[in-house]
Each structure stands twice: as structure tokens, then as C-alpha cells.
């Protein structure tokens, strides 16, 4: 079964063809990083305009790469929630139109669930129940995954998501946008123990996340260093690297500890990680180390499947199709 996936939830325009929920036949991802870099973050109006201008071309390229025609598709899947409302509308409208013309089923996909499913595209025989951690620019959420398609939210961000905190701290330190990759790289040159930044765990046994206070702590620490720079012996570049490494370690401590705490509480058979921040090398290292200590498998997708992409959308949609979860042409985009 061939499913075309469409992903326009934020600032990547993506289309992919996946066979039988597993085999990625094509996966085209058009990033808008260059477009938004000068503003230090995603500008919704610009993102929507870019999706509108590129969506048809991206779909065409996905079909060409897959060496198929539109008429060979069995269904179309599209992310309809959560995301930027204007961006979602472009993908949803495109998918509806194609399904109407081709007279094939439409499958609506939750963006966060598809990030979790990205692991199933690359790993076979994942056991459930599992704890799933979605970490991206807009979301930091823990789920109890009872199966590939059934997910129960255990907690989420109450202010800044982890990826958003990376972007904001990168701006504070003058490192540019997007912040995740540059901080990941710079932190390797820094001392993670140079600065003791706060770890916010909230109430006992809480699976919610809060990174706003950490971001503010970085701001005040960096501002204080700048005011008293004449007394500092560490070179400026090394100080920035130390701050980046210390900040990153504080974020990762919270993510890893809460994920494994949830795995114990719910007797999980594994931990699945997805989203853009899942590409962070230090996070992967810490998860791998803890997985060996706790003797529980941890799964995270290849780097290309961590960022927003349509392959995970089409793959997840196949499972929904088998369960008879088909959407009507009246589905709406839900931010």
C-alpha cells in the first residue's frame, strides 16, 4: 500500500511516499531555516507563504523520486494538528483536494504521534507499553504509548519547550538560529560543570516541563559576565562554550531523568524519543548510558527523521488506516 504523506506544521514543507508503513520510497524535506534565520525564529506569515509557494513542487518531487504517478497512490495522509494554524491549513487543503480528485482515503495525523512513530520506520519489534518523549522547538511532551497508535499524554511543557529554550539561549549568546545544532556543536568544546544552572522538576512525580527559568538564569549569568568582563581570566570564546555546555546539560538532565522516572512508574518496556532535539548528540549519549544502567532499550530515529518530515506521517497513517481511522473531507486544522 502506497501512502503519500504531507507535512506543513511549522517551517518544513515535506512530502513522502511510504509503502506498507515501513518502506520509505521517497522523502522530500524543504527547510525554511535560511528564510527565518535573520529574525532569530519562525515568522508564521513567512512560513505560510513559503509553504504555499512550494507545496506542489515538493509533492511532485516526492512522486518523481518514488517513480510513481498520483493514480498509483492508495491514500493521502496529512498533519492537521498541532502546529501553526496557517501552515497546517495549506497542507490540509492540499490533501483534501487531492483526495477529492483521486477519490482515495484521507488520513489525519497528529504531528506529535508521527514523531514517535519515526522510530518504527527504522526499528522492528519495538515492545509496548513504552514511554515516548517528543522534544522539539514547540513541544516537550511525555507519553505512555500503549501501542504504535495509542498514546496517552503524561505531561508537557508549561512554558518554553526544550527546542525553544535552545533557540533563545543561542540568541542570548549571539550564536544565531537555529540554536539546537550550534549549541550542540559548541558544547563539545565547553565544560558542562562550569556553571551550575537550575534544573526545574516541578512537583514530585510531575511529568511536566519548564525551561523558562533556566533560560532566564543563562541570560542573567551571561549579562553579569559581560558587565564584569575585566576581572575574568577565561577567554570570551571559552566562556561562551562553557555556558552552552552547562545550559545543555541542565536541559538534558531534566529530559533524561523524567523519561526514565516515567519508565519505572509505568513499567515500560522501552523509551522512544522523537523531534528535532532528539538529534542532539549529548542527549543521545546520556540516553544510551542510562539505558545500559537501567537495562531498558532506548530508540531514537536517524537525524533526517528527527526533524519534521512526511515519511513519519505516511508511516503512522498506514497503522491508522489498518484500524479503519479514516478522516472525512470536513477535517479541520487544529493549532
C-alpha atoms as a PDB file:
ATOM      1  CA  UNK A   1       0.000   0.000   0.000  1.00  0.00           C
ATOM      2  CA  UNK A   2       1.395   3.383  -1.038  1.00  0.00           C
ATOM      3  CA  UNK A   3       0.573   6.425   1.099  1.00  0.00           C
ATOM      4  CA  UNK A   4       1.573  10.000   0.311  1.00  0.00           C
ATOM      5  CA  UNK A   5       2.338  11.960   3.453  1.00  0.00           C
ATOM      6  CA  UNK A   6       2.171  15.760   3.671  1.00  0.00           C
ATOM      7  CA  UNK A   7       3.766  17.779   6.490  1.00  0.00           C
ATOM      8  CA  UNK A   8       3.436  21.579   6.809  1.00  0.00           C
ATOM      9  CA  UNK A   9       3.003  22.065  10.555  1.00  0.00           C
ATOM     10  CA  UNK A  10       5.753  24.657  11.019  1.00  0.00           C
ATOM     11  CA  UNK A  11       8.748  25.605   8.879  1.00  0.00           C
ATOM     12  CA  UNK A  12       9.466  22.496   6.815  1.00  0.00           C
ATOM     13  CA  UNK A  13       7.491  21.671   3.700  1.00  0.00           C
ATOM     14  CA  UNK A  14       7.659  17.917   3.243  1.00  0.00           C
ATOM     15  CA  UNK A  15       6.075  15.179   1.147  1.00  0.00           C
ATOM     16  CA  UNK A  16       6.920  11.489   1.202  1.00  0.00           C
ATOM     17  CA  UNK A  17       5.759   8.177  -0.185  1.00  0.00           C
ATOM     18  CA  UNK A  18       5.855   5.202   2.190  1.00  0.00           C
ATOM     19  CA  UNK A  19       4.962   1.611   1.360  1.00  0.00           C
ATOM     20  CA  UNK A  20       3.129  -0.509   3.925  1.00  0.00           C
ATOM     21  CA  UNK A  21       4.001   1.774   6.816  1.00  0.00           C
ATOM     22  CA  UNK A  22       7.683   0.829   6.782  1.00  0.00           C
ATOM     23  CA  UNK A  23       9.486   1.333   3.486  1.00  0.00           C
ATOM     24  CA  UNK A  24      10.390   4.954   2.730  1.00  0.00           C
ATOM     25  CA  UNK A  25      10.148   5.200  -1.049  1.00  0.00           C
ATOM     26  CA  UNK A  26      10.790   8.950  -1.098  1.00  0.00           C
ATOM     27  CA  UNK A  27      11.022  11.735   1.465  1.00  0.00           C
ATOM     28  CA  UNK A  28      11.425  15.348   0.324  1.00  0.00           C
ATOM     29  CA  UNK A  29      12.060  17.977   3.020  1.00  0.00           C
ATOM     30  CA  UNK A  30      12.322  21.661   2.164  1.00  0.00           C
ATOM     31  CA  UNK A  31      13.647  23.599   5.155  1.00  0.00           C
ATOM     32  CA  UNK A  32      12.940  27.282   5.771  1.00  0.00           C
ATOM     33  CA  UNK A  33      15.897  27.855   8.121  1.00  0.00           C
ATOM     34  CA  UNK A  34      17.560  30.381   5.827  1.00  0.00           C
ATOM     35  CA  UNK A  35      14.298  32.301   5.462  1.00  0.00           C
ATOM     36  CA  UNK A  36      13.799  32.711   9.230  1.00  0.00           C
ATOM     37  CA  UNK A  37      17.428  32.999  10.358  1.00  0.00           C
ATOM     38  CA  UNK A  38      17.564  36.790  10.082  1.00  0.00           C
ATOM     39  CA  UNK A  39      14.626  37.051  12.504  1.00  0.00           C
ATOM     40  CA  UNK A  40      16.026  34.613  15.069  1.00  0.00           C
ATOM     41  CA  UNK A  41      12.924  32.405  14.911  1.00  0.00           C
ATOM     42  CA  UNK A  42       9.982  31.296  12.809  1.00  0.00           C
ATOM     43  CA  UNK A  43       7.799  34.100  11.437  1.00  0.00           C
ATOM     44  CA  UNK A  44       4.354  32.496  10.854  1.00  0.00           C
ATOM     45  CA  UNK A  45       3.361  34.738   7.938  1.00  0.00           C
ATOM     46  CA  UNK A  46       6.585  33.991   6.078  1.00  0.00           C
ATOM     47  CA  UNK A  47       6.312  30.291   6.847  1.00  0.00           C
ATOM     48  CA  UNK A  48       2.793  30.109   5.422  1.00  0.00           C
ATOM     49  CA  UNK A  49       3.768  31.965   2.278  1.00  0.00           C
ATOM     50  CA  UNK A  50       6.731  29.639   1.737  1.00  0.00           C
ATOM     51  CA  UNK A  51       4.513  26.547   2.178  1.00  0.00           C
ATOM     52  CA  UNK A  52       2.006  27.919  -0.320  1.00  0.00           C
ATOM     53  CA  UNK A  53       4.720  28.574  -2.893  1.00  0.00           C
ATOM     54  CA  UNK A  54       6.478  25.231  -2.543  1.00  0.00           C
ATOM     55  CA  UNK A  55       3.930  22.560  -1.593  1.00  0.00           C
ATOM     56  CA  UNK A  56       3.031  21.461  -5.136  1.00  0.00           C
ATOM     57  CA  UNK A  57       6.659  21.276  -6.210  1.00  0.00           C
ATOM     58  CA  UNK A  58       7.605  19.271  -3.125  1.00  0.00           C
ATOM     59  CA  UNK A  59       4.805  16.769  -3.771  1.00  0.00           C
ATOM     60  CA  UNK A  60       5.844  16.471  -7.425  1.00  0.00           C
ATOM     61  CA  UNK A  61       9.433  15.784  -6.370  1.00  0.00           C
ATOM     62  CA  UNK A  62       8.295  13.123  -3.919  1.00  0.00           C
ATOM     63  CA  UNK A  63       6.353  11.355  -6.670  1.00  0.00           C
ATOM     64  CA  UNK A  64       9.270  11.621  -9.100  1.00  0.00           C
ATOM     65  CA  UNK A  65      11.694  10.194  -6.539  1.00  0.00           C
ATOM     66  CA  UNK A  66       9.264   7.358  -5.837  1.00  0.00           C
ATOM     67  CA  UNK A  67       8.873   6.759  -9.593  1.00  0.00           C
ATOM     68  CA  UNK A  68       5.081   6.678  -9.324  1.00  0.00           C
ATOM     69  CA  UNK A  69       2.073   8.619 -10.586  1.00  0.00           C
ATOM     70  CA  UNK A  70      -0.662  10.184  -8.477  1.00  0.00           C
ATOM     71  CA  UNK A  71      -3.038   7.499  -9.726  1.00  0.00           C
ATOM     72  CA  UNK A  72      -0.939   4.804  -8.003  1.00  0.00           C
ATOM     73  CA  UNK A  73      -1.493   6.223  -4.519  1.00  0.00           C
ATOM     74  CA  UNK A  74      -3.808   4.303  -2.187  1.00  0.00           C
ATOM     75  CA  UNK A  75      -4.302   7.080   0.378  1.00  0.00           C
ATOM     76  CA  UNK A  76      -3.048  10.503   1.452  1.00  0.00           C
ATOM     77  CA  UNK A  77      -2.034  11.441   4.980  1.00  0.00           C
ATOM     78  CA  UNK A  78      -1.649  14.948   6.335  1.00  0.00           C
ATOM     79  CA  UNK A  79      -0.727  16.546   9.651  1.00  0.00           C
ATOM     80  CA  UNK A  80      -3.730  18.515  10.889  1.00  0.00           C
ATOM     81  CA  UNK A  81      -2.589  19.154  14.489  1.00  0.00           C
ATOM     82  CA  UNK A  82      -0.725  20.644  16.322  1.00  0.00           C
ATOM     83  CA  UNK A  83       1.177  23.443  14.598  1.00  0.00           C
ATOM     84  CA  UNK A  84       0.883  26.912  13.112  1.00  0.00           C
ATOM     85  CA  UNK A  85      -2.738  27.264  12.002  1.00  0.00           C
ATOM     86  CA  UNK A  86      -1.953  28.906   8.654  1.00  0.00           C
ATOM     87  CA  UNK A  87       0.756  26.391   7.839  1.00  0.00           C
ATOM     88  CA  UNK A  88      -1.470  23.453   8.756  1.00  0.00           C
ATOM     89  CA  UNK A  89      -4.289  24.807   6.581  1.00  0.00           C
ATOM     90  CA  UNK A  90      -2.095  24.741   3.495  1.00  0.00           C
ATOM     91  CA  UNK A  91      -1.232  21.075   3.966  1.00  0.00           C
ATOM     92  CA  UNK A  92      -4.769  20.071   4.919  1.00  0.00           C
ATOM     93  CA  UNK A  93      -6.342  21.914   1.983  1.00  0.00           C
ATOM     94  CA  UNK A  94      -3.868  20.369  -0.446  1.00  0.00           C
ATOM     95  CA  UNK A  95      -4.508  16.868   0.901  1.00  0.00           C
ATOM     96  CA  UNK A  96      -8.291  17.296   0.798  1.00  0.00           C
ATOM     97  CA  UNK A  97      -8.165  18.489  -2.798  1.00  0.00           C
ATOM     98  CA  UNK A  98      -6.020  15.570  -3.934  1.00  0.00           C
ATOM     99  CA  UNK A  99      -8.229  13.035  -2.158  1.00  0.00           C
ATOM    100  CA  UNK A 100     -11.346  14.526  -3.706  1.00  0.00           C
ATOM    101  CA  UNK A 101      -9.874  14.435  -7.220  1.00  0.00           C
ATOM    102  CA  UNK A 102      -8.332  10.964  -6.866  1.00  0.00           C
ATOM    103  CA  UNK A 103     -11.220   9.530  -4.818  1.00  0.00           C
ATOM    104  CA  UNK A 104      -8.928   7.918  -2.257  1.00  0.00           C
ATOM    105  CA  UNK A 105      -8.983   7.927   1.579  1.00  0.00           C
ATOM    106  CA  UNK A 106      -7.702  10.837   3.644  1.00  0.00           C
ATOM    107  CA  UNK A 107      -5.941  10.142   6.939  1.00  0.00           C
ATOM    108  CA  UNK A 108      -5.461  12.907   9.516  1.00  0.00           C
ATOM    109  CA  UNK A 109      -2.305  12.619  11.624  1.00  0.00           C
ATOM    110  CA  UNK A 110      -1.264  14.160  14.923  1.00  0.00           C
ATOM    111  CA  UNK A 111       2.175  15.689  14.432  1.00  0.00           C
ATOM    112  CA  UNK A 112       3.495  14.531  17.814  1.00  0.00           C
ATOM    113  CA  UNK A 113       2.361  10.930  17.340  1.00  0.00           C
ATOM    114  CA  UNK A 114       4.129  10.802  13.994  1.00  0.00           C
ATOM    115  CA  UNK A 115       7.406  11.880  15.645  1.00  0.00           C
ATOM    116  CA  UNK A 116       7.082   8.879  17.949  1.00  0.00           C
ATOM    117  CA  UNK A 117       6.324   6.580  15.015  1.00  0.00           C
ATOM    118  CA  UNK A 118       9.512   7.695  13.242  1.00  0.00           C
ATOM    119  CA  UNK A 119      11.265   5.071  15.364  1.00  0.00           C
ATOM    120  CA  UNK A 120       9.086   2.325  13.876  1.00  0.00           C
ATOM    121  CA  UNK A 121      10.358   3.194  10.422  1.00  0.00           C
ATOM    122  CA  UNK A 122      13.839   2.084  11.465  1.00  0.00           C
ATOM    123  CA  UNK A 123      13.398  -0.421  14.305  1.00  0.00           C
ATOM    124  CA  UNK A 124      11.430  -3.644  14.163  1.00  0.00           C
ATOM    125  CA  UNK A 125       9.701  -5.383  17.039  1.00  0.00           C
ATOM    126  CA  UNK A 126       9.511  -2.443  19.459  1.00  0.00           C
ATOM    127  CA  UNK A 127       7.769  -3.701  22.583  1.00  0.00           C
ATOM    128  CA  UNK A 128       4.901  -1.893  24.294  1.00  0.00           C
ATOM    129  CA  UNK A 129       3.961  -0.246  26.575  1.00  0.00           C
ATOM    130  CA  UNK A 130       6.705   2.323  26.085  1.00  0.00           C
ATOM    131  CA  UNK A 131       7.438   5.825  27.286  1.00  0.00           C
ATOM    132  CA  UNK A 132       7.668   8.296  24.417  1.00  0.00           C
ATOM    133  CA  UNK A 133       9.441  11.637  24.674  1.00  0.00           C
ATOM    134  CA  UNK A 134       8.796  14.211  21.945  1.00  0.00           C
ATOM    135  CA  UNK A 135      11.286  17.076  22.134  1.00  0.00           C
ATOM    136  CA  UNK A 136      11.149  19.871  19.578  1.00  0.00           C
ATOM    137  CA  UNK A 137      11.039  23.624  19.188  1.00  0.00           C
ATOM    138  CA  UNK A 138       7.379  23.852  20.074  1.00  0.00           C
ATOM    139  CA  UNK A 139       6.778  20.748  22.176  1.00  0.00           C
ATOM    140  CA  UNK A 140       8.288  18.828  25.057  1.00  0.00           C
ATOM    141  CA  UNK A 141       5.837  16.061  25.914  1.00  0.00           C
ATOM    142  CA  UNK A 142       5.946  12.679  27.635  1.00  0.00           C
ATOM    143  CA  UNK A 143       3.521   9.981  26.505  1.00  0.00           C
ATOM    144  CA  UNK A 144       2.634   6.497  27.608  1.00  0.00           C
ATOM    145  CA  UNK A 145       2.487   4.612  24.302  1.00  0.00           C
ATOM    146  CA  UNK A 146       0.318   1.539  24.732  1.00  0.00           C
ATOM    147  CA  UNK A 147       0.791   0.621  21.069  1.00  0.00           C
ATOM    148  CA  UNK A 148       2.010   2.171  17.837  1.00  0.00           C
ATOM    149  CA  UNK A 149      -1.151   4.271  17.609  1.00  0.00           C
ATOM    150  CA  UNK A 150      -2.445   4.664  21.180  1.00  0.00           C
ATOM    151  CA  UNK A 151      -0.675   7.383  23.164  1.00  0.00           C
ATOM    152  CA  UNK A 152      -1.675   8.941  26.478  1.00  0.00           C
ATOM    153  CA  UNK A 153      -0.098  12.280  27.427  1.00  0.00           C
ATOM    154  CA  UNK A 154       1.611  12.198  30.829  1.00  0.00           C
ATOM    155  CA  UNK A 155       2.925  15.756  30.819  1.00  0.00           C
ATOM    156  CA  UNK A 156       4.135  18.602  28.672  1.00  0.00           C
ATOM    157  CA  UNK A 157       5.789  21.984  28.738  1.00  0.00           C
ATOM    158  CA  UNK A 158       4.168  24.717  30.821  1.00  0.00           C
ATOM    159  CA  UNK A 159       6.258  27.481  29.225  1.00  0.00           C
ATOM    160  CA  UNK A 160       9.273  27.203  26.902  1.00  0.00           C
ATOM    161  CA  UNK A 161       9.767  23.887  25.121  1.00  0.00           C
ATOM    162  CA  UNK A 162      13.297  22.474  25.110  1.00  0.00           C
ATOM    163  CA  UNK A 163      13.964  23.402  21.484  1.00  0.00           C
ATOM    164  CA  UNK A 164      12.609  26.889  22.053  1.00  0.00           C
ATOM    165  CA  UNK A 165      14.951  27.280  25.031  1.00  0.00           C
ATOM    166  CA  UNK A 166      17.890  26.256  22.834  1.00  0.00           C
ATOM    167  CA  UNK A 167      16.930  28.913  20.279  1.00  0.00           C
ATOM    168  CA  UNK A 168      16.512  31.648  22.897  1.00  0.00           C
ATOM    169  CA  UNK A 169      19.770  30.837  24.696  1.00  0.00           C
ATOM    170  CA  UNK A 170      21.563  30.756  21.353  1.00  0.00           C
ATOM    171  CA  UNK A 171      20.260  34.265  20.712  1.00  0.00           C
ATOM    172  CA  UNK A 172      21.389  35.419  24.173  1.00  0.00           C
ATOM    173  CA  UNK A 173      24.882  34.093  23.494  1.00  0.00           C
ATOM    174  CA  UNK A 174      24.969  35.574  19.974  1.00  0.00           C
ATOM    175  CA  UNK A 175      25.224  32.198  18.258  1.00  0.00           C
ATOM    176  CA  UNK A 176      22.432  32.536  15.684  1.00  0.00           C
ATOM    177  CA  UNK A 177      19.407  30.474  14.613  1.00  0.00           C
ATOM    178  CA  UNK A 178      18.509  27.641  14.829  1.00  0.00           C
ATOM    179  CA  UNK A 179      20.068  27.230  18.248  1.00  0.00           C
ATOM    180  CA  UNK A 180      19.989  23.467  18.713  1.00  0.00           C
ATOM    181  CA  UNK A 181      22.719  22.423  16.258  1.00  0.00           C
ATOM    182  CA  UNK A 182      25.084  25.303  17.094  1.00  0.00           C
ATOM    183  CA  UNK A 183      24.845  24.766  20.866  1.00  0.00           C
ATOM    184  CA  UNK A 184      25.276  21.014  20.418  1.00  0.00           C
ATOM    185  CA  UNK A 185      28.474  21.622  18.458  1.00  0.00           C
ATOM    186  CA  UNK A 186      29.850  24.374  20.702  1.00  0.00           C
ATOM    187  CA  UNK A 187      29.094  22.470  23.910  1.00  0.00           C
ATOM    188  CA  UNK A 188      31.632  19.812  22.908  1.00  0.00           C
ATOM    189  CA  UNK A 189      34.335  22.451  23.418  1.00  0.00           C
ATOM    190  CA  UNK A 190      32.949  23.606  26.773  1.00  0.00           C
ATOM    191  CA  UNK A 191      32.908  22.429  30.372  1.00  0.00           C
ATOM    192  CA  UNK A 192      29.445  21.162  31.310  1.00  0.00           C
ATOM    193  CA  UNK A 193      30.255  21.676  35.001  1.00  0.00           C
ATOM    194  CA  UNK A 194      31.480  25.272  34.625  1.00  0.00           C
ATOM    195  CA  UNK A 195      28.154  26.811  35.663  1.00  0.00           C
ATOM    196  CA  UNK A 196      25.524  25.274  37.929  1.00  0.00           C
ATOM    197  CA  UNK A 197      22.267  26.215  36.241  1.00  0.00           C
ATOM    198  CA  UNK A 198      18.893  25.275  37.814  1.00  0.00           C
ATOM    199  CA  UNK A 199      17.025  22.064  36.979  1.00  0.00           C
ATOM    200  CA  UNK A 200      13.275  22.503  37.250  1.00  0.00           C
ATOM    201  CA  UNK A 201      11.483  19.257  38.162  1.00  0.00           C
ATOM    202  CA  UNK A 202       8.292  20.961  39.427  1.00  0.00           C
ATOM    203  CA  UNK A 203       6.119  18.962  41.859  1.00  0.00           C
ATOM    204  CA  UNK A 204       7.032  15.461  42.995  1.00  0.00           C
ATOM    205  CA  UNK A 205       6.310  12.861  40.285  1.00  0.00           C
ATOM    206  CA  UNK A 206       5.352  15.602  37.815  1.00  0.00           C
ATOM    207  CA  UNK A 207       5.979  14.848  34.147  1.00  0.00           C
ATOM    208  CA  UNK A 208       5.535  18.458  33.077  1.00  0.00           C
ATOM    209  CA  UNK A 209       8.493  20.528  31.887  1.00  0.00           C
ATOM    210  CA  UNK A 210       9.608  24.114  32.441  1.00  0.00           C
ATOM    211  CA  UNK A 211      12.682  25.660  30.832  1.00  0.00           C
ATOM    212  CA  UNK A 212      11.813  29.357  31.087  1.00  0.00           C
ATOM    213  CA  UNK A 213      13.623  29.775  34.409  1.00  0.00           C
ATOM    214  CA  UNK A 214      16.726  28.096  33.037  1.00  0.00           C
ATOM    215  CA  UNK A 215      16.721  30.439  30.048  1.00  0.00           C
ATOM    216  CA  UNK A 216      16.462  33.441  32.374  1.00  0.00           C
ATOM    217  CA  UNK A 217      19.304  32.111  34.534  1.00  0.00           C
ATOM    218  CA  UNK A 218      21.521  31.924  31.441  1.00  0.00           C
ATOM    219  CA  UNK A 219      20.554  35.485  30.500  1.00  0.00           C
ATOM    220  CA  UNK A 220      21.469  36.932  33.912  1.00  0.00           C
ATOM    221  CA  UNK A 221      24.662  34.910  34.197  1.00  0.00           C
ATOM    222  CA  UNK A 222      25.838  35.964  30.745  1.00  0.00           C
ATOM    223  CA  UNK A 223      24.850  39.597  31.344  1.00  0.00           C
ATOM    224  CA  UNK A 224      26.749  39.603  34.646  1.00  0.00           C
ATOM    225  CA  UNK A 225      29.844  38.215  32.976  1.00  0.00           C
ATOM    226  CA  UNK A 226      29.722  40.933  30.347  1.00  0.00           C
ATOM    227  CA  UNK A 227      29.492  43.653  32.993  1.00  0.00           C
ATOM    228  CA  UNK A 228      32.478  42.280  34.873  1.00  0.00           C
ATOM    229  CA  UNK A 229      34.500  41.052  31.901  1.00  0.00           C
ATOM    230  CA  UNK A 230      37.696  42.851  33.010  1.00  0.00           C
ATOM    231  CA  UNK A 231      38.021  40.501  36.008  1.00  0.00           C
ATOM    232  CA  UNK A 232      37.547  37.279  34.051  1.00  0.00           C
ATOM    233  CA  UNK A 233      40.555  35.158  33.206  1.00  0.00           C
ATOM    234  CA  UNK A 234      38.798  32.723  30.854  1.00  0.00           C
ATOM    235  CA  UNK A 235      38.840  33.853  27.182  1.00  0.00           C
ATOM    236  CA  UNK A 236      35.479  35.019  25.827  1.00  0.00           C
ATOM    237  CA  UNK A 237      35.019  32.160  23.353  1.00  0.00           C
ATOM    238  CA  UNK A 238      35.710  29.568  26.037  1.00  0.00           C
ATOM    239  CA  UNK A 239      33.260  31.248  28.435  1.00  0.00           C
ATOM    240  CA  UNK A 240      30.536  31.056  25.791  1.00  0.00           C
ATOM    241  CA  UNK A 241      31.315  27.387  25.170  1.00  0.00           C
ATOM    242  CA  UNK A 242      31.179  26.691  28.921  1.00  0.00           C
ATOM    243  CA  UNK A 243      27.812  28.423  29.256  1.00  0.00           C
ATOM    244  CA  UNK A 244      26.456  26.497  26.258  1.00  0.00           C
ATOM    245  CA  UNK A 245      27.658  23.176  27.670  1.00  0.00           C
ATOM    246  CA  UNK A 246      26.307  23.907  31.152  1.00  0.00           C
ATOM    247  CA  UNK A 247      22.934  25.019  29.790  1.00  0.00           C
ATOM    248  CA  UNK A 248      22.655  21.971  27.551  1.00  0.00           C
ATOM    249  CA  UNK A 249      23.480  19.634  30.431  1.00  0.00           C
ATOM    250  CA  UNK A 250      20.747  21.202  32.583  1.00  0.00           C
ATOM    251  CA  UNK A 251      18.123  20.622  29.852  1.00  0.00           C
ATOM    252  CA  UNK A 252      19.258  17.057  29.234  1.00  0.00           C
ATOM    253  CA  UNK A 253      19.305  16.182  32.931  1.00  0.00           C
ATOM    254  CA  UNK A 254      15.608  17.003  33.176  1.00  0.00           C
ATOM    255  CA  UNK A 255      14.645  15.239  29.935  1.00  0.00           C
ATOM    256  CA  UNK A 256      16.517  12.040  30.738  1.00  0.00           C
ATOM    257  CA  UNK A 257      15.531  11.866  34.399  1.00  0.00           C
ATOM    258  CA  UNK A 258      11.834  12.387  33.744  1.00  0.00           C
ATOM    259  CA  UNK A 259      11.762   9.895  30.873  1.00  0.00           C
ATOM    260  CA  UNK A 260      13.357   7.159  32.972  1.00  0.00           C
ATOM    261  CA  UNK A 261      11.254   8.055  36.010  1.00  0.00           C
ATOM    262  CA  UNK A 262       8.151   7.540  33.861  1.00  0.00           C
ATOM    263  CA  UNK A 263       9.525   4.253  32.508  1.00  0.00           C
ATOM    264  CA  UNK A 264       9.823   2.912  36.053  1.00  0.00           C
ATOM    265  CA  UNK A 265       6.432   4.202  37.162  1.00  0.00           C
ATOM    266  CA  UNK A 266       4.620   2.648  34.180  1.00  0.00           C
ATOM    267  CA  UNK A 267       6.775  -0.491  33.881  1.00  0.00           C
ATOM    268  CA  UNK A 268       7.677   0.420  30.307  1.00  0.00           C
ATOM    269  CA  UNK A 269       9.487  -1.983  28.001  1.00  0.00           C
ATOM    270  CA  UNK A 270      11.309   0.782  26.162  1.00  0.00           C
ATOM    271  CA  UNK A 271      11.720   4.519  25.633  1.00  0.00           C
ATOM    272  CA  UNK A 272      11.048   6.167  22.268  1.00  0.00           C
ATOM    273  CA  UNK A 273      12.439   9.632  21.509  1.00  0.00           C
ATOM    274  CA  UNK A 274      11.448  11.912  18.632  1.00  0.00           C
ATOM    275  CA  UNK A 275      11.515  15.530  17.491  1.00  0.00           C
ATOM    276  CA  UNK A 276      14.248  17.922  16.428  1.00  0.00           C
ATOM    277  CA  UNK A 277      16.037  17.923  19.795  1.00  0.00           C
ATOM    278  CA  UNK A 278      16.337  14.119  19.535  1.00  0.00           C
ATOM    279  CA  UNK A 279      19.186  14.868  17.109  1.00  0.00           C
ATOM    280  CA  UNK A 280      21.249  16.343  19.968  1.00  0.00           C
ATOM    281  CA  UNK A 281      24.401  14.245  20.365  1.00  0.00           C
ATOM    282  CA  UNK A 282      24.706  14.744  24.123  1.00  0.00           C
ATOM    283  CA  UNK A 283      21.067  13.739  24.686  1.00  0.00           C
ATOM    284  CA  UNK A 284      21.646  10.563  22.696  1.00  0.00           C
ATOM    285  CA  UNK A 285      24.789   9.815  24.668  1.00  0.00           C
ATOM    286  CA  UNK A 286      23.073  10.296  28.024  1.00  0.00           C
ATOM    287  CA  UNK A 287      20.083   8.183  26.978  1.00  0.00           C
ATOM    288  CA  UNK A 288      22.387   5.411  25.802  1.00  0.00           C
ATOM    289  CA  UNK A 289      24.340   5.469  29.071  1.00  0.00           C
ATOM    290  CA  UNK A 290      21.201   5.389  31.207  1.00  0.00           C
ATOM    291  CA  UNK A 291      19.642   2.636  29.095  1.00  0.00           C
ATOM    292  CA  UNK A 292      22.592   0.372  29.896  1.00  0.00           C
ATOM    293  CA  UNK A 293      22.360   1.226  33.593  1.00  0.00           C
ATOM    294  CA  UNK A 294      18.619   0.547  33.724  1.00  0.00           C
ATOM    295  CA  UNK A 295      18.676  -2.331  31.211  1.00  0.00           C
ATOM    296  CA  UNK A 296      15.861  -0.841  29.143  1.00  0.00           C
ATOM    297  CA  UNK A 297      16.130  -0.161  25.387  1.00  0.00           C
ATOM    298  CA  UNK A 298      16.029   3.411  24.097  1.00  0.00           C
ATOM    299  CA  UNK A 299      15.143   4.196  20.491  1.00  0.00           C
ATOM    300  CA  UNK A 300      15.741   7.400  18.543  1.00  0.00           C
ATOM    301  CA  UNK A 301      15.475   7.937  14.776  1.00  0.00           C
ATOM    302  CA  UNK A 302      18.274   8.793  12.368  1.00  0.00           C
ATOM    303  CA  UNK A 303      18.980  12.523  12.173  1.00  0.00           C
ATOM    304  CA  UNK A 304      16.935  13.045   8.997  1.00  0.00           C
ATOM    305  CA  UNK A 305      13.836  11.612  10.662  1.00  0.00           C
ATOM    306  CA  UNK A 306      14.186  13.735  13.819  1.00  0.00           C
ATOM    307  CA  UNK A 307      13.193  16.989  12.134  1.00  0.00           C
ATOM    308  CA  UNK A 308       9.705  17.449  10.695  1.00  0.00           C
ATOM    309  CA  UNK A 309       9.249  15.118   7.734  1.00  0.00           C
ATOM    310  CA  UNK A 310       6.423  13.475   5.847  1.00  0.00           C
ATOM    311  CA  UNK A 311       7.779   9.915   5.943  1.00  0.00           C
ATOM    312  CA  UNK A 312       6.842   9.558   9.611  1.00  0.00           C
ATOM    313  CA  UNK A 313       3.399  10.974   8.754  1.00  0.00           C
ATOM    314  CA  UNK A 314       2.756   8.466   5.970  1.00  0.00           C
ATOM    315  CA  UNK A 315       4.125   5.595   8.050  1.00  0.00           C
ATOM    316  CA  UNK A 316       1.926   6.366  11.038  1.00  0.00           C
ATOM    317  CA  UNK A 317      -1.065   6.850   8.740  1.00  0.00           C
ATOM    318  CA  UNK A 318      -0.742   3.268   7.487  1.00  0.00           C
ATOM    319  CA  UNK A 319      -1.372   1.979  11.012  1.00  0.00           C
ATOM    320  CA  UNK A 320      -4.372   4.267  11.360  1.00  0.00           C
ATOM    321  CA  UNK A 321      -5.697   3.031   8.000  1.00  0.00           C
ATOM    322  CA  UNK A 322      -5.488  -0.592   9.158  1.00  0.00           C
ATOM    323  CA  UNK A 323      -7.555   0.376  12.206  1.00  0.00           C
ATOM    324  CA  UNK A 324     -10.181   1.993   9.972  1.00  0.00           C
ATOM    325  CA  UNK A 325      -9.380   5.502  11.221  1.00  0.00           C
ATOM    326  CA  UNK A 326     -10.207   7.424   8.050  1.00  0.00           C
ATOM    327  CA  UNK A 327     -10.914  11.160   8.038  1.00  0.00           C
ATOM    328  CA  UNK A 328     -13.704  12.944   6.231  1.00  0.00           C
ATOM    329  CA  UNK A 329     -13.113  15.810   3.837  1.00  0.00           C
ATOM    330  CA  UNK A 330     -14.504  18.106   6.516  1.00  0.00           C
ATOM    331  CA  UNK A 331     -11.485  17.727   8.851  1.00  0.00           C
ATOM    332  CA  UNK A 332     -10.081  20.951  10.194  1.00  0.00           C
ATOM    333  CA  UNK A 333      -6.617  22.211  11.040  1.00  0.00           C
ATOM    334  CA  UNK A 334      -6.199  22.498  14.816  1.00  0.00           C
ATOM    335  CA  UNK A 335      -3.272  24.565  16.143  1.00  0.00           C
END
